[in-house]
N, C-alpha and C. Protein backbone atom coordinates (compact mmCIF):
# COMPACT_ATOMS: atom_id res chain seq x y z
N MET A 1 0.85 -1.20 0.00
CA MET A 1 0.00 0.00 0.00
C MET A 1 0.88 1.25 0.00
N PRO A 2 0.74 2.10 -0.99
CA PRO A 2 1.62 3.27 -1.07
C PRO A 2 1.32 4.29 0.02
N THR A 3 2.30 5.07 0.33
CA THR A 3 2.12 6.11 1.35
C THR A 3 1.24 7.22 0.79
N PRO A 4 0.52 7.95 1.63
CA PRO A 4 -0.37 9.02 1.13
C PRO A 4 0.38 10.11 0.37
N ASN A 5 1.63 10.37 0.76
CA ASN A 5 2.39 11.43 0.11
C ASN A 5 3.17 10.93 -1.10
N HIS A 6 2.90 9.70 -1.51
CA HIS A 6 3.67 9.14 -2.62
C HIS A 6 3.30 9.84 -3.92
N ASN A 7 4.30 10.41 -4.55
CA ASN A 7 4.10 11.08 -5.84
C ASN A 7 4.77 10.21 -6.90
N PRO A 8 4.03 9.70 -7.88
CA PRO A 8 4.64 8.81 -8.87
C PRO A 8 5.68 9.52 -9.73
N ARG A 9 5.60 10.84 -9.80
CA ARG A 9 6.52 11.60 -10.63
C ARG A 9 7.15 12.70 -9.79
N PRO A 10 8.47 12.82 -9.78
CA PRO A 10 9.09 13.91 -9.02
C PRO A 10 8.71 15.26 -9.62
N PRO A 11 8.67 16.32 -8.81
CA PRO A 11 8.26 17.63 -9.34
C PRO A 11 9.18 18.14 -10.44
N GLN A 12 10.45 17.72 -10.41
CA GLN A 12 11.36 18.18 -11.45
C GLN A 12 10.92 17.70 -12.84
N ALA A 13 10.32 16.51 -12.89
CA ALA A 13 9.91 15.96 -14.18
C ALA A 13 8.79 16.81 -14.78
N SER A 14 7.81 17.20 -13.96
CA SER A 14 6.72 18.00 -14.50
C SER A 14 7.22 19.39 -14.90
N ALA A 15 8.15 19.94 -14.12
CA ALA A 15 8.72 21.24 -14.48
C ALA A 15 9.48 21.13 -15.80
N LEU A 16 10.20 20.02 -15.95
CA LEU A 16 10.96 19.83 -17.19
C LEU A 16 10.01 19.68 -18.37
N ARG A 17 8.88 18.99 -18.14
CA ARG A 17 7.91 18.84 -19.23
C ARG A 17 7.30 20.20 -19.58
N ARG A 18 7.04 21.03 -18.56
CA ARG A 18 6.51 22.37 -18.84
C ARG A 18 7.50 23.17 -19.69
N ILE A 19 8.78 23.08 -19.33
CA ILE A 19 9.80 23.80 -20.09
C ILE A 19 9.86 23.26 -21.52
N THR A 20 9.74 21.92 -21.65
CA THR A 20 9.78 21.31 -22.98
C THR A 20 8.59 21.76 -23.81
N ASP A 21 7.40 21.79 -23.19
CA ASP A 21 6.21 22.24 -23.92
C ASP A 21 6.38 23.70 -24.35
N HIS A 22 6.92 24.52 -23.46
CA HIS A 22 7.14 25.93 -23.79
C HIS A 22 8.13 26.05 -24.95
N ALA A 23 9.17 25.21 -24.92
CA ALA A 23 10.16 25.24 -25.99
C ALA A 23 9.53 24.82 -27.32
N LYS A 24 8.64 23.82 -27.27
CA LYS A 24 7.96 23.39 -28.49
C LYS A 24 7.10 24.51 -29.05
N ILE A 25 6.36 25.20 -28.17
CA ILE A 25 5.51 26.30 -28.61
C ILE A 25 6.36 27.42 -29.21
N THR A 26 7.46 27.74 -28.53
CA THR A 26 8.35 28.79 -29.02
C THR A 26 8.93 28.42 -30.37
N ALA A 27 9.37 27.16 -30.51
CA ALA A 27 9.93 26.71 -31.78
C ALA A 27 8.89 26.76 -32.88
N CYS A 28 7.65 26.41 -32.54
CA CYS A 28 6.57 26.45 -33.53
C CYS A 28 6.33 27.88 -33.99
N ILE A 29 6.28 28.81 -33.03
CA ILE A 29 6.05 30.22 -33.37
C ILE A 29 7.20 30.75 -34.24
N LEU A 30 8.43 30.40 -33.85
CA LEU A 30 9.58 30.86 -34.63
C LEU A 30 9.55 30.27 -36.03
N GLY A 31 9.17 28.99 -36.13
CA GLY A 31 9.09 28.34 -37.43
C GLY A 31 8.04 28.99 -38.31
N LEU A 32 6.87 29.29 -37.73
CA LEU A 32 5.82 29.93 -38.51
C LEU A 32 6.24 31.33 -38.93
N THR A 33 6.93 32.04 -38.03
CA THR A 33 7.40 33.39 -38.36
C THR A 33 8.40 33.33 -39.51
N ALA A 34 9.32 32.38 -39.44
CA ALA A 34 10.31 32.24 -40.51
C ALA A 34 9.63 31.87 -41.82
N LEU A 35 8.63 30.98 -41.75
CA LEU A 35 7.91 30.59 -42.96
C LEU A 35 7.18 31.78 -43.56
N TRP A 36 6.50 32.56 -42.71
CA TRP A 36 5.77 33.74 -43.18
C TRP A 36 6.74 34.75 -43.80
N THR A 37 7.93 34.91 -43.18
CA THR A 37 8.93 35.82 -43.73
C THR A 37 9.38 35.37 -45.11
N LEU A 38 9.60 34.05 -45.26
CA LEU A 38 10.00 33.53 -46.57
C LEU A 38 8.90 33.76 -47.60
N ILE A 39 7.65 33.57 -47.19
CA ILE A 39 6.52 33.79 -48.11
C ILE A 39 6.49 35.26 -48.54
N LEU A 40 6.64 36.16 -47.57
CA LEU A 40 6.62 37.59 -47.90
C LEU A 40 7.79 37.96 -48.81
N LEU A 41 8.96 37.37 -48.56
CA LEU A 41 10.11 37.66 -49.42
C LEU A 41 9.86 37.13 -50.83
N ALA A 42 9.27 35.94 -50.93
CA ALA A 42 8.97 35.38 -52.25
C ALA A 42 7.97 36.26 -52.98
N LEU A 43 6.95 36.75 -52.27
CA LEU A 43 5.97 37.63 -52.89
C LEU A 43 6.64 38.95 -53.30
N ASP A 44 7.56 39.42 -52.47
CA ASP A 44 8.26 40.66 -52.79
C ASP A 44 9.10 40.48 -54.06
N TRP A 45 9.71 39.30 -54.21
CA TRP A 45 10.52 39.03 -55.39
C TRP A 45 9.66 38.98 -56.65
N THR A 46 8.40 38.60 -56.50
CA THR A 46 7.52 38.57 -57.67
C THR A 46 6.90 39.94 -57.92
N ASN A 47 7.26 40.94 -57.10
CA ASN A 47 6.79 42.32 -57.26
C ASN A 47 5.27 42.44 -57.19
N THR A 48 4.68 41.76 -56.22
CA THR A 48 3.24 41.89 -56.05
C THR A 48 2.94 43.25 -55.44
N PRO A 49 1.95 43.98 -55.94
CA PRO A 49 1.69 45.34 -55.44
C PRO A 49 1.12 45.38 -54.04
N TRP A 50 0.56 44.26 -53.53
CA TRP A 50 -0.09 44.28 -52.23
C TRP A 50 0.83 43.85 -51.10
N ILE A 51 2.15 43.84 -51.37
CA ILE A 51 3.10 43.42 -50.33
C ILE A 51 3.07 44.40 -49.15
N GLY A 52 2.69 45.64 -49.40
CA GLY A 52 2.66 46.62 -48.33
C GLY A 52 1.54 46.38 -47.33
N LEU A 53 0.58 45.52 -47.67
CA LEU A 53 -0.52 45.25 -46.75
C LEU A 53 -0.08 44.41 -45.56
N ALA A 54 0.99 43.62 -45.73
CA ALA A 54 1.41 42.72 -44.67
C ALA A 54 2.16 43.48 -43.58
């Protein structure tokens, strides 16, 4: 019978997972930003007149 205070996961593991999730979100945002920048540059190279809207 486990003790009442028994935690199956140490608190460091959940903190590490939170940091990992945050890193994944940050990487996703950076990736999308880089992709959007490449799209805008490609549109700029094609001399689209509406590039100023972005």
